Amino acid sequence: MLSKGSVLLLLAHSTLGYRQPYEYLEALNTFGAAFSNPEGVFNGSVPSPLSPDVVGRIDAITTFVGQDLNAEFLFGLFYQDTLLASTTQLIGIPTGMTIQSAVVEPPVVAVSYISDMAYPTTNLTVPLQIDMFMAFDDDTMKVVSYDAILRRIDDLMAYTSPLLAPQIAKELNSTSTNVTELTILKTAVDVCAVSSLYCTGENQQYESQDACLDFMSALPFGESWQGGMNTGWCRYIHKNLVQYRPDVHCPHIGPTGGDMCRDRNYLDVTSTVPFNQTLLSYNSSYNSADMKGITDHGVQQLVKVQTESVSMTTVAFVSGSL
């Protein structure tokens, strides 16, 4: 839903050959509803807003290919199984999603969501801003590509960690008041509990529970933006996903980190464009100068659209009152 006081600005006339702006807004609301009800996505009561071939990237984690993996990270990450549901978690549970602002340039949308993240054991609720570029399949109105930024995630962690620490200490019977120590201890205990339950047989990652605790306790927790690197934080993120597909996700919480929790090259990450549909908005006035630096695939998609008769619509939403 749009935030209270939002203003609709119609900047151009209607689009020929694309869905109407309100349909994109409905798709954004559908995505927000799914994000706020992750359990519904997995039990089938809430339709997945993702295309089967979706490719997505979350800046603080990494890139995900395919509907299953993206659904697990976008929705399953916040869905606690019964093993840890009654304990304090470092990652909140989304209880509501509001569109703060959005720009629609079919088939691409730029949107800023505000998600209310709840921490039930402490009665704490904190807003998280998620900025996204999203490309939709115009036939199904499902997300084909997205690029997500967890705005001020480091500030969020710095704010919530001290507030969660006393409850974590109580649950772990720890006398420590050091937030960093308690965070590392919590990470080790939770990851190893999940590993012991789900990662068995061919999926076993550690020789024993003690071996897991020793490894995780010695591993740097990492910064909030290192959710896709060789850190305790990355393994903590992945622990919630193991319940869905242990064969896929157990290596991610193990000593090697699998193909997810590993060292990454900054230049490679920054220069790689992973999406299967461009996030460039189409515009019939593009020329060679406009396309400088755009990948060949992106240019081909733009040229393809230029051969059609397209009259674009741009819609902007600005939160607050005028």
C-alpha atoms as a PDB file:
ATOM      1  CA  MET A   1       0.000   0.000   0.000  1.00  0.00           C
ATOM      2  CA  LEU A   2       1.081   3.601  -0.488  1.00  0.00           C
ATOM      3  CA  SER A   3       2.185   5.511   2.574  1.00  0.00           C
ATOM      4  CA  LYS A   4      -0.157   8.122   3.987  1.00  0.00           C
ATOM      5  CA  GLY A   5       0.146  11.444   2.250  1.00  0.00           C
ATOM      6  CA  SER A   6       1.697  10.039  -0.905  1.00  0.00           C
ATOM      7  CA  VAL A   7       1.237  12.160  -4.006  1.00  0.00           C
ATOM      8  CA  LEU A   8       0.776  10.753  -7.509  1.00  0.00           C
ATOM      9  CA  LEU A   9       2.548  12.680 -10.248  1.00  0.00           C
ATOM     10  CA  LEU A  10       1.670  11.805 -13.854  1.00  0.00           C
ATOM     11  CA  LEU A  11       4.633  12.910 -15.910  1.00  0.00           C
ATOM     12  CA  ALA A  12       3.689  11.668 -19.365  1.00  0.00           C
ATOM     13  CA  HIS A  13       0.886  10.109 -21.370  1.00  0.00           C
ATOM     14  CA  SER A  14      -0.192   6.492 -21.502  1.00  0.00           C
ATOM     15  CA  THR A  15       2.034   3.678 -22.663  1.00  0.00           C
ATOM     16  CA  LEU A  16       1.313   1.698 -25.798  1.00  0.00           C
ATOM     17  CA  GLY A  17       2.237  -1.971 -25.582  1.00  0.00           C
ATOM     18  CA  TYR A  18       2.891  -2.136 -21.837  1.00  0.00           C
ATOM     19  CA  ARG A  19       0.761  -2.626 -18.767  1.00  0.00           C
ATOM     20  CA  GLN A  20      -0.800   0.412 -17.163  1.00  0.00           C
ATOM     21  CA  PRO A  21       0.988   2.094 -14.227  1.00  0.00           C
ATOM     22  CA  TYR A  22      -1.612   0.937 -11.722  1.00  0.00           C
ATOM     23  CA  GLU A  23      -0.827  -2.668 -12.680  1.00  0.00           C
ATOM     24  CA  TYR A  24       2.807  -2.145 -11.759  1.00  0.00           C
ATOM     25  CA  LEU A  25       1.707  -0.623  -8.473  1.00  0.00           C
ATOM     26  CA  GLU A  26      -0.463  -3.649  -7.831  1.00  0.00           C
ATOM     27  CA  ALA A  27       2.567  -5.839  -8.541  1.00  0.00           C
ATOM     28  CA  LEU A  28       4.600  -3.836  -6.040  1.00  0.00           C
ATOM     29  CA  ASN A  29       1.894  -4.313  -3.429  1.00  0.00           C
ATOM     30  CA  THR A  30       1.830  -8.038  -4.207  1.00  0.00           C
ATOM     31  CA  PHE A  31       5.573  -8.218  -3.644  1.00  0.00           C
ATOM     32  CA  GLY A  32       5.248  -6.291  -0.375  1.00  0.00           C
ATOM     33  CA  ALA A  33       2.474  -8.600   0.830  1.00  0.00           C
ATOM     34  CA  ALA A  34       4.633 -11.646   0.099  1.00  0.00           C
ATOM     35  CA  PHE A  35       7.615 -10.115   1.910  1.00  0.00           C
ATOM     36  CA  SER A  36       5.436  -9.482   4.969  1.00  0.00           C
ATOM     37  CA  ASN A  37       4.009 -13.015   4.935  1.00  0.00           C
ATOM     38  CA  PRO A  38       6.935 -15.320   4.130  1.00  0.00           C
ATOM     39  CA  GLU A  39       5.183 -18.339   5.606  1.00  0.00           C
ATOM     40  CA  GLY A  40       2.345 -17.832   3.132  1.00  0.00           C
ATOM     41  CA  VAL A  41       4.736 -17.939   0.182  1.00  0.00           C
ATOM     42  CA  PHE A  42       6.032 -21.344   1.240  1.00  0.00           C
ATOM     43  CA  ASN A  43       2.705 -22.902   2.183  1.00  0.00           C
ATOM     44  CA  GLY A  44       1.123 -21.675  -1.047  1.00  0.00           C
ATOM     45  CA  SER A  45      -1.459 -19.309   0.435  1.00  0.00           C
ATOM     46  CA  VAL A  46       0.396 -16.316  -1.045  1.00  0.00           C
ATOM     47  CA  PRO A  47       1.396 -16.561  -4.740  1.00  0.00           C
ATOM     48  CA  SER A  48       5.076 -16.073  -5.452  1.00  0.00           C
ATOM     49  CA  PRO A  49       5.700 -12.723  -7.159  1.00  0.00           C
ATOM     50  CA  LEU A  50       8.837 -14.088  -8.820  1.00  0.00           C
ATOM     51  CA  SER A  51       9.305 -15.346 -12.364  1.00  0.00           C
ATOM     52  CA  PRO A  52      10.734 -18.886 -12.699  1.00  0.00           C
ATOM     53  CA  ASP A  53      13.915 -17.496 -14.280  1.00  0.00           C
ATOM     54  CA  VAL A  54      14.328 -14.512 -11.950  1.00  0.00           C
ATOM     55  CA  VAL A  55      17.821 -13.206 -11.213  1.00  0.00           C
ATOM     56  CA  GLY A  56      18.230 -10.961  -8.183  1.00  0.00           C
ATOM     57  CA  ARG A  57      20.987  -9.233  -6.277  1.00  0.00           C
ATOM     58  CA  ILE A  58      21.017  -8.013  -2.673  1.00  0.00           C
ATOM     59  CA  ASP A  59      23.899  -5.649  -2.081  1.00  0.00           C
ATOM     60  CA  ALA A  60      24.759  -6.882   1.420  1.00  0.00           C
ATOM     61  CA  ILE A  61      24.669 -10.545   0.390  1.00  0.00           C
ATOM     62  CA  THR A  62      25.165 -11.644  -3.242  1.00  0.00           C
ATOM     63  CA  THR A  63      23.403 -12.621  -6.498  1.00  0.00           C
ATOM     64  CA  PHE A  64      20.743 -15.345  -6.715  1.00  0.00           C
ATOM     65  CA  VAL A  65      19.607 -17.209  -9.827  1.00  0.00           C
ATOM     66  CA  GLY A  66      16.243 -18.937 -10.202  1.00  0.00           C
ATOM     67  CA  GLN A  67      12.907 -18.810  -8.410  1.00  0.00           C
ATOM     68  CA  ASP A  68      13.746 -21.257  -5.624  1.00  0.00           C
ATOM     69  CA  LEU A  69      16.932 -19.558  -4.466  1.00  0.00           C
ATOM     70  CA  ASN A  70      15.459 -16.062  -4.713  1.00  0.00           C
ATOM     71  CA  ALA A  71      12.310 -17.081  -2.837  1.00  0.00           C
ATOM     72  CA  GLU A  72      14.412 -18.600  -0.082  1.00  0.00           C
ATOM     73  CA  PHE A  73      16.451 -15.436   0.364  1.00  0.00           C
ATOM     74  CA  LEU A  74      13.694 -12.868  -0.077  1.00  0.00           C
ATOM     75  CA  PHE A  75      11.070 -14.671   1.981  1.00  0.00           C
ATOM     76  CA  GLY A  76      12.500 -17.765   3.651  1.00  0.00           C
ATOM     77  CA  LEU A  77      15.257 -15.764   5.316  1.00  0.00           C
ATOM     78  CA  PHE A  78      12.635 -14.294   7.664  1.00  0.00           C
ATOM     79  CA  TYR A  79      10.641 -17.446   8.302  1.00  0.00           C
ATOM     80  CA  GLN A  80      11.828 -19.187  11.453  1.00  0.00           C
ATOM     81  CA  ASP A  81      11.253 -22.888  11.875  1.00  0.00           C
ATOM     82  CA  THR A  82      10.244 -24.291  15.266  1.00  0.00           C
ATOM     83  CA  LEU A  83      13.862 -24.953  16.260  1.00  0.00           C
ATOM     84  CA  LEU A  84      14.689 -21.271  16.856  1.00  0.00           C
ATOM     85  CA  ALA A  85      11.297 -19.575  16.659  1.00  0.00           C
ATOM     86  CA  SER A  86      11.086 -18.888  20.392  1.00  0.00           C
ATOM     87  CA  THR A  87      14.589 -17.445  20.701  1.00  0.00           C
ATOM     88  CA  THR A  88      15.911 -13.967  20.025  1.00  0.00           C
ATOM     89  CA  GLN A  89      17.130 -13.584  16.464  1.00  0.00           C
ATOM     90  CA  LEU A  90      19.547 -11.029  15.026  1.00  0.00           C
ATOM     91  CA  ILE A  91      17.327 -10.751  11.940  1.00  0.00           C
ATOM     92  CA  GLY A  92      13.867  -9.306  12.474  1.00  0.00           C
ATOM     93  CA  ILE A  93      10.593 -10.603  11.074  1.00  0.00           C
ATOM     94  CA  PRO A  94       8.790  -8.332   8.563  1.00  0.00           C
ATOM     95  CA  THR A  95       5.307  -7.463   9.816  1.00  0.00           C
ATOM     96  CA  GLY A  96       4.364  -4.774   7.301  1.00  0.00           C
ATOM     97  CA  MET A  97       5.595  -3.250   4.058  1.00  0.00           C
ATOM     98  CA  THR A  98       4.901   0.291   2.889  1.00  0.00           C
ATOM     99  CA  ILE A  99       5.789   1.885  -0.427  1.00  0.00           C
ATOM    100  CA  GLN A 100       7.542   5.112   0.481  1.00  0.00           C
ATOM    101  CA  SER A 101       8.283   6.203  -3.075  1.00  0.00           C
ATOM    102  CA  ALA A 102       8.250   4.706  -6.551  1.00  0.00           C
ATOM    103  CA  VAL A 103       8.953   5.573 -10.171  1.00  0.00           C
ATOM    104  CA  VAL A 104       7.336   3.498 -12.937  1.00  0.00           C
ATOM    105  CA  GLU A 105       8.964   3.377 -16.363  1.00  0.00           C
ATOM    106  CA  PRO A 106       7.582   0.167 -17.938  1.00  0.00           C
ATOM    107  CA  PRO A 107       8.724  -2.509 -17.603  1.00  0.00           C
ATOM    108  CA  VAL A 108      11.120  -1.216 -14.922  1.00  0.00           C
ATOM    109  CA  VAL A 109      10.179   0.139 -11.515  1.00  0.00           C
ATOM    110  CA  ALA A 110      12.326   1.886  -8.934  1.00  0.00           C
ATOM    111  CA  VAL A 111      10.782   1.559  -5.491  1.00  0.00           C
ATOM    112  CA  SER A 112      11.663   2.313  -1.910  1.00  0.00           C
ATOM    113  CA  TYR A 113       9.939   0.118   0.665  1.00  0.00           C
ATOM    114  CA  ILE A 114       9.807   0.612   4.412  1.00  0.00           C
ATOM    115  CA  SER A 115       9.492  -2.724   6.186  1.00  0.00           C
ATOM    116  CA  ASP A 116       8.617  -2.985   9.871  1.00  0.00           C
ATOM    117  CA  MET A 117      11.019  -5.544  11.316  1.00  0.00           C
ATOM    118  CA  ALA A 118       9.848  -7.120  14.565  1.00  0.00           C
ATOM    119  CA  TYR A 119      11.919  -8.833  17.247  1.00  0.00           C
ATOM    120  CA  PRO A 120       9.175 -10.589  19.247  1.00  0.00           C
ATOM    121  CA  THR A 121      11.183 -11.622  22.322  1.00  0.00           C
ATOM    122  CA  THR A 122      12.050  -7.983  23.057  1.00  0.00           C
ATOM    123  CA  ASN A 123       8.865  -6.272  21.822  1.00  0.00           C
ATOM    124  CA  LEU A 124      11.086  -4.276  19.473  1.00  0.00           C
ATOM    125  CA  THR A 125      10.019  -3.107  16.019  1.00  0.00           C
ATOM    126  CA  VAL A 126      12.413  -1.184  13.780  1.00  0.00           C
ATOM    127  CA  PRO A 127      11.963   0.140  10.232  1.00  0.00           C
ATOM    128  CA  LEU A 128      14.205  -1.129   7.451  1.00  0.00           C
ATOM    129  CA  GLN A 129      14.407   0.744   4.154  1.00  0.00           C
ATOM    130  CA  ILE A 130      14.801  -1.448   1.073  1.00  0.00           C
ATOM    131  CA  ASP A 131      15.471   0.267  -2.249  1.00  0.00           C
ATOM    132  CA  MET A 132      14.936  -1.832  -5.368  1.00  0.00           C
ATOM    133  CA  PHE A 133      15.133  -1.660  -9.130  1.00  0.00           C
ATOM    134  CA  MET A 134      12.714  -4.264 -10.497  1.00  0.00           C
ATOM    135  CA  ALA A 135      11.979  -5.487 -14.027  1.00  0.00           C
ATOM    136  CA  PHE A 136       8.693  -7.270 -14.668  1.00  0.00           C
ATOM    137  CA  ASP A 137       7.521  -9.823 -17.181  1.00  0.00           C
ATOM    138  CA  ASP A 138       4.753  -7.838 -18.828  1.00  0.00           C
ATOM    139  CA  ASP A 139       2.683 -10.965 -19.493  1.00  0.00           C
ATOM    140  CA  THR A 140       2.657 -12.337 -15.943  1.00  0.00           C
ATOM    141  CA  MET A 141       3.658  -9.208 -13.969  1.00  0.00           C
ATOM    142  CA  LYS A 142       6.151 -11.285 -12.047  1.00  0.00           C
ATOM    143  CA  VAL A 143       9.630 -10.060 -11.197  1.00  0.00           C
ATOM    144  CA  VAL A 144      12.277 -11.088 -13.746  1.00  0.00           C
ATOM    145  CA  SER A 145      15.202  -9.062 -12.394  1.00  0.00           C
ATOM    146  CA  TYR A 146      15.781  -7.035  -9.250  1.00  0.00           C
ATOM    147  CA  ASP A 147      18.632  -5.149  -7.630  1.00  0.00           C
ATOM    148  CA  ALA A 148      18.053  -4.531  -3.909  1.00  0.00           C
ATOM    149  CA  ILE A 149      19.854  -2.234  -1.509  1.00  0.00           C
ATOM    150  CA  LEU A 150      19.364  -2.603   2.245  1.00  0.00           C
ATOM    151  CA  ARG A 151      19.619   1.083   3.051  1.00  0.00           C
ATOM    152  CA  ARG A 152      21.568   1.873   6.239  1.00  0.00           C
ATOM    153  CA  ILE A 153      21.824  -1.807   7.182  1.00  0.00           C
ATOM    154  CA  ASP A 154      24.946  -1.038   9.233  1.00  0.00           C
ATOM    155  CA  ASP A 155      23.006   1.562  11.231  1.00  0.00           C
ATOM    156  CA  LEU A 156      20.175  -0.917  11.759  1.00  0.00           C
ATOM    157  CA  MET A 157      22.537  -3.522  13.179  1.00  0.00           C
ATOM    158  CA  ALA A 158      24.293  -0.956  15.354  1.00  0.00           C
ATOM    159  CA  TYR A 159      20.924   0.137  16.730  1.00  0.00           C
ATOM    160  CA  THR A 160      19.345  -3.273  17.340  1.00  0.00           C
ATOM    161  CA  SER A 161      22.318  -5.294  18.597  1.00  0.00           C
ATOM    162  CA  PRO A 162      22.667  -3.548  21.998  1.00  0.00           C
ATOM    163  CA  LEU A 163      18.901  -3.768  22.515  1.00  0.00           C
ATOM    164  CA  LEU A 164      18.854  -7.508  21.760  1.00  0.00           C
ATOM    165  CA  ALA A 165      22.001  -8.364  23.716  1.00  0.00           C
ATOM    166  CA  PRO A 166      20.486  -8.553  27.255  1.00  0.00           C
ATOM    167  CA  GLN A 167      17.789 -10.996  26.118  1.00  0.00           C
ATOM    168  CA  ILE A 168      20.358 -13.051  24.200  1.00  0.00           C
ATOM    169  CA  ALA A 169      22.550 -13.214  27.314  1.00  0.00           C
ATOM    170  CA  LYS A 170      19.569 -14.394  29.360  1.00  0.00           C
ATOM    171  CA  GLU A 171      18.650 -17.121  26.864  1.00  0.00           C
ATOM    172  CA  LEU A 172      22.256 -18.359  26.632  1.00  0.00           C
ATOM    173  CA  ASN A 173      22.862 -18.156  30.384  1.00  0.00           C
ATOM    174  CA  SER A 174      25.782 -15.840  29.764  1.00  0.00           C
ATOM    175  CA  THR A 175      27.073 -13.252  32.231  1.00  0.00           C
ATOM    176  CA  SER A 176      28.721 -11.248  29.472  1.00  0.00           C
ATOM    177  CA  THR A 177      27.536  -7.715  28.739  1.00  0.00           C
ATOM    178  CA  ASN A 178      29.781  -7.324  25.702  1.00  0.00           C
ATOM    179  CA  VAL A 179      27.556  -6.961  22.622  1.00  0.00           C
ATOM    180  CA  THR A 180      30.162  -8.304  20.205  1.00  0.00           C
ATOM    181  CA  GLU A 181      30.880 -11.364  22.346  1.00  0.00           C
ATOM    182  CA  LEU A 182      27.173 -12.121  22.706  1.00  0.00           C
ATOM    183  CA  THR A 183      26.595 -11.690  18.971  1.00  0.00           C
ATOM    184  CA  ILE A 184      29.372 -14.152  18.127  1.00  0.00           C
ATOM    185  CA  LEU A 185      28.121 -16.610  20.765  1.00  0.00           C
ATOM    186  CA  LYS A 186      24.550 -16.352  19.491  1.00  0.00           C
ATOM    187  CA  THR A 187      25.719 -16.903  15.921  1.00  0.00           C
ATOM    188  CA  ALA A 188      27.716 -19.996  16.884  1.00  0.00           C
ATOM    189  CA  VAL A 189      24.931 -21.547  18.971  1.00  0.00           C
ATOM    190  CA  ASP A 190      22.233 -21.036  16.334  1.00  0.00           C
ATOM    191  CA  VAL A 191      24.296 -22.103  13.331  1.00  0.00           C
ATOM    192  CA  CYS A 192      25.506 -25.228  15.100  1.00  0.00           C
ATOM    193  CA  ALA A 193      22.004 -26.134  16.278  1.00  0.00           C
ATOM    194  CA  VAL A 194      20.759 -25.959  12.696  1.00  0.00           C
ATOM    195  CA  SER A 195      23.770 -27.887  11.420  1.00  0.00           C
ATOM    196  CA  SER A 196      23.235 -30.681  13.936  1.00  0.00           C
ATOM    197  CA  LEU A 197      19.548 -31.017  13.064  1.00  0.00           C
ATOM    198  CA  TYR A 198      19.582 -30.728   9.271  1.00  0.00           C
ATOM    199  CA  CYS A 199      23.126 -31.328   8.060  1.00  0.00           C
ATOM    200  CA  THR A 200      23.492 -35.058   8.549  1.00  0.00           C
ATOM    201  CA  GLY A 201      24.703 -37.947   6.425  1.00  0.00           C
ATOM    202  CA  GLU A 202      26.104 -36.691   3.124  1.00  0.00           C
ATOM    203  CA  ASN A 203      25.271 -33.118   4.156  1.00  0.00           C
ATOM    204  CA  GLN A 204      27.282 -33.213   7.406  1.00  0.00           C
ATOM    205  CA  GLN A 205      29.643 -30.241   7.737  1.00  0.00           C
ATOM    206  CA  TYR A 206      31.325 -30.609  11.142  1.00  0.00           C
ATOM    207  CA  GLU A 207      32.778 -33.627  12.941  1.00  0.00           C
ATOM    208  CA  SER A 208      30.841 -32.757  16.085  1.00  0.00           C
ATOM    209  CA  GLN A 209      28.821 -30.051  17.819  1.00  0.00           C
ATOM    210  CA  ASP A 210      31.923 -28.962  19.701  1.00  0.00           C
ATOM    211  CA  ALA A 211      33.914 -28.718  16.463  1.00  0.00           C
ATOM    212  CA  CYS A 212      31.195 -26.498  15.025  1.00  0.00           C
ATOM    213  CA  LEU A 213      31.123 -24.254  18.095  1.00  0.00           C
ATOM    214  CA  ASP A 214      34.918 -23.950  18.095  1.00  0.00           C
ATOM    215  CA  PHE A 215      34.994 -23.007  14.408  1.00  0.00           C
ATOM    216  CA  MET A 216      32.144 -20.509  14.605  1.00  0.00           C
ATOM    217  CA  SER A 217      33.466 -18.893  17.796  1.00  0.00           C
ATOM    218  CA  ALA A 218      36.843 -18.258  16.143  1.00  0.00           C
ATOM    219  CA  LEU A 219      35.370 -17.003  12.866  1.00  0.00           C
ATOM    220  CA  PRO A 220      35.037 -13.196  12.564  1.00  0.00           C
ATOM    221  CA  PHE A 221      31.373 -12.184  12.644  1.00  0.00           C
ATOM    222  CA  GLY A 222      32.014  -9.575   9.941  1.00  0.00           C
ATOM    223  CA  GLU A 223      30.365  -6.308   9.041  1.00  0.00           C
ATOM    224  CA  SER A 224      26.704  -5.998   8.066  1.00  0.00           C
ATOM    225  CA  TRP A 225      27.640  -5.602   4.389  1.00  0.00           C
ATOM    226  CA  GLN A 226      29.631  -8.859   4.428  1.00  0.00           C
ATOM    227  CA  GLY A 227      26.595 -11.147   4.305  1.00  0.00           C
ATOM    228  CA  GLY A 228      28.022 -12.886   1.237  1.00  0.00           C
ATOM    229  CA  MET A 229      31.585 -13.331   2.459  1.00  0.00           C
ATOM    230  CA  ASN A 230      33.538 -15.749   4.644  1.00  0.00           C
ATOM    231  CA  THR A 231      32.034 -14.518   7.912  1.00  0.00           C
ATOM    232  CA  GLY A 232      29.893 -15.685  10.786  1.00  0.00           C
ATOM    233  CA  TRP A 233      27.240 -13.209   9.648  1.00  0.00           C
ATOM    234  CA  CYS A 234      26.959 -14.922   6.259  1.00  0.00           C
ATOM    235  CA  ARG A 235      26.520 -18.316   7.886  1.00  0.00           C
ATOM    236  CA  TYR A 236      23.950 -16.867  10.282  1.00  0.00           C
ATOM    237  CA  ILE A 237      21.953 -15.563   7.306  1.00  0.00           C
ATOM    238  CA  HIS A 238      22.080 -18.961   5.612  1.00  0.00           C
ATOM    239  CA  LYS A 239      21.065 -20.952   8.686  1.00  0.00           C
ATOM    240  CA  ASN A 240      17.417 -19.997   8.123  1.00  0.00           C
ATOM    241  CA  LEU A 241      17.534 -21.435   4.614  1.00  0.00           C
ATOM    242  CA  VAL A 242      18.918 -24.867   5.482  1.00  0.00           C
ATOM    243  CA  GLN A 243      15.462 -26.149   6.449  1.00  0.00           C
ATOM    244  CA  TYR A 244      14.263 -25.818   2.839  1.00  0.00           C
ATOM    245  CA  ARG A 245      17.054 -27.585   0.982  1.00  0.00           C
ATOM    246  CA  PRO A 246      19.779 -29.018   3.233  1.00  0.00           C
ATOM    247  CA  ASP A 247      21.692 -30.400   0.264  1.00  0.00           C
ATOM    248  CA  VAL A 248      22.004 -26.889  -1.152  1.00  0.00           C
ATOM    249  CA  HIS A 249      22.445 -24.785   1.970  1.00  0.00           C
ATOM    250  CA  CYS A 250      24.362 -26.992   4.441  1.00  0.00           C
ATOM    251  CA  PRO A 251      27.708 -26.194   2.756  1.00  0.00           C
ATOM    252  CA  HIS A 252      26.951 -22.497   3.219  1.00  0.00           C
ATOM    253  CA  ILE A 253      26.999 -22.823   7.014  1.00  0.00           C
ATOM    254  CA  GLY A 254      29.964 -25.216   7.001  1.00  0.00           C
ATOM    255  CA  PRO A 255      33.687 -24.459   7.292  1.00  0.00           C
ATOM    256  CA  THR A 256      34.136 -23.839   3.553  1.00  0.00           C
ATOM    257  CA  GLY A 257      31.074 -21.623   3.173  1.00  0.00           C
ATOM    258  CA  GLY A 258      30.255 -23.373  -0.090  1.00  0.00           C
ATOM    259  CA  ASP A 259      29.690 -21.055  -3.034  1.00  0.00           C
ATOM    260  CA  MET A 260      27.996 -18.383  -0.914  1.00  0.00           C
ATOM    261  CA  CYS A 261      30.058 -17.523   2.178  1.00  0.00           C
ATOM    262  CA  ARG A 262      33.406 -16.967   0.536  1.00  0.00           C
ATOM    263  CA  ASP A 263      35.955 -14.296  -0.258  1.00  0.00           C
ATOM    264  CA  ARG A 264      34.902 -12.079  -3.152  1.00  0.00           C
ATOM    265  CA  ASN A 265      36.790  -9.731  -5.434  1.00  0.00           C
ATOM    266  CA  TYR A 266      35.443  -6.193  -5.204  1.00  0.00           C
ATOM    267  CA  LEU A 267      36.207  -5.374  -8.835  1.00  0.00           C
ATOM    268  CA  ASP A 268      34.509  -8.530 -10.105  1.00  0.00           C
ATOM    269  CA  VAL A 269      31.416  -8.000  -7.982  1.00  0.00           C
ATOM    270  CA  THR A 270      31.086  -4.357  -8.968  1.00  0.00           C
ATOM    271  CA  SER A 271      31.682  -4.780 -12.691  1.00  0.00           C
ATOM    272  CA  THR A 272      29.521  -7.879 -13.214  1.00  0.00           C
ATOM    273  CA  VAL A 273      25.954  -7.347 -14.472  1.00  0.00           C
ATOM    274  CA  PRO A 274      24.152 -10.598 -13.621  1.00  0.00           C
ATOM    275  CA  PHE A 275      20.598  -9.862 -14.714  1.00  0.00           C
ATOM    276  CA  ASN A 276      18.776 -11.743 -17.459  1.00  0.00           C
ATOM    277  CA  GLN A 277      16.594  -8.714 -18.269  1.00  0.00           C
ATOM    278  CA  THR A 278      17.972  -5.212 -18.320  1.00  0.00           C
ATOM    279  CA  LEU A 279      17.060  -2.775 -15.562  1.00  0.00           C
ATOM    280  CA  LEU A 280      17.491   0.118 -17.980  1.00  0.00           C
ATOM    281  CA  SER A 281      14.290   2.033 -18.630  1.00  0.00           C
ATOM    282  CA  TYR A 282      13.387   2.199 -22.311  1.00  0.00           C
ATOM    283  CA  ASN A 283      13.292   5.559 -24.031  1.00  0.00           C
ATOM    284  CA  SER A 284      12.805   6.125 -27.741  1.00  0.00           C
ATOM    285  CA  SER A 285      15.247   9.065 -27.770  1.00  0.00           C
ATOM    286  CA  TYR A 286      18.327   6.985 -26.928  1.00  0.00           C
ATOM    287  CA  ASN A 287      21.337   7.645 -29.188  1.00  0.00           C
ATOM    288  CA  SER A 288      24.897   6.354 -29.343  1.00  0.00           C
ATOM    289  CA  ALA A 289      26.083   8.813 -26.701  1.00  0.00           C
ATOM    290  CA  ASP A 290      23.331   7.675 -24.334  1.00  0.00           C
ATOM    291  CA  MET A 291      24.391   4.052 -24.797  1.00  0.00           C
ATOM    292  CA  LYS A 292      28.060   4.581 -24.035  1.00  0.00           C
ATOM    293  CA  GLY A 293      29.149   2.051 -21.410  1.00  0.00           C
ATOM    294  CA  ILE A 294      25.999  -0.062 -21.689  1.00  0.00           C
ATOM    295  CA  THR A 295      26.588  -3.767 -22.242  1.00  0.00           C
ATOM    296  CA  ASP A 296      25.897  -5.250 -25.690  1.00  0.00           C
ATOM    297  CA  HIS A 297      22.994  -7.225 -24.251  1.00  0.00           C
ATOM    298  CA  GLY A 298      21.486  -4.052 -22.803  1.00  0.00           C
ATOM    299  CA  VAL A 299      21.850  -2.207 -26.102  1.00  0.00           C
ATOM    300  CA  GLN A 300      20.213  -5.081 -27.983  1.00  0.00           C
ATOM    301  CA  GLN A 301      17.217  -4.954 -25.690  1.00  0.00           C
ATOM    302  CA  LEU A 302      16.914  -1.194 -26.057  1.00  0.00           C
ATOM    303  CA  VAL A 303      17.208  -1.368 -29.840  1.00  0.00           C
ATOM    304  CA  LYS A 304      14.551  -4.063 -29.914  1.00  0.00           C
ATOM    305  CA  VAL A 305      12.152  -1.767 -28.116  1.00  0.00           C
ATOM    306  CA  GLN A 306      13.071   1.169 -30.356  1.00  0.00           C
ATOM    307  CA  THR A 307      11.757  -0.755 -33.354  1.00  0.00           C
ATOM    308  CA  GLU A 308       8.302  -0.713 -31.788  1.00  0.00           C
ATOM    309  CA  SER A 309       5.912   2.189 -31.522  1.00  0.00           C
ATOM    310  CA  VAL A 310       6.190   3.016 -27.829  1.00  0.00           C
ATOM    311  CA  SER A 311       4.761   5.957 -25.981  1.00  0.00           C
ATOM    312  CA  MET A 312       6.154   5.943 -22.460  1.00  0.00           C
ATOM    313  CA  THR A 313       4.514   6.670 -19.162  1.00  0.00           C
ATOM    314  CA  THR A 314       6.448   7.762 -16.119  1.00  0.00           C
ATOM    315  CA  VAL A 315       4.794   7.785 -12.733  1.00  0.00           C
ATOM    316  CA  ALA A 316       6.429   9.065  -9.582  1.00  0.00           C
ATOM    317  CA  PHE A 317       5.300   8.784  -5.990  1.00  0.00           C
ATOM    318  CA  VAL A 318       6.582  11.173  -3.385  1.00  0.00           C
ATOM    319  CA  SER A 319       5.860  10.478   0.267  1.00  0.00           C
ATOM    320  CA  GLY A 320       4.676  13.262   2.521  1.00  0.00           C
ATOM    321  CA  SER A 321       2.314  16.136   1.981  1.00  0.00           C
ATOM    322  CA  LEU A 322       2.746  19.056  -0.386  1.00  0.00           C
END
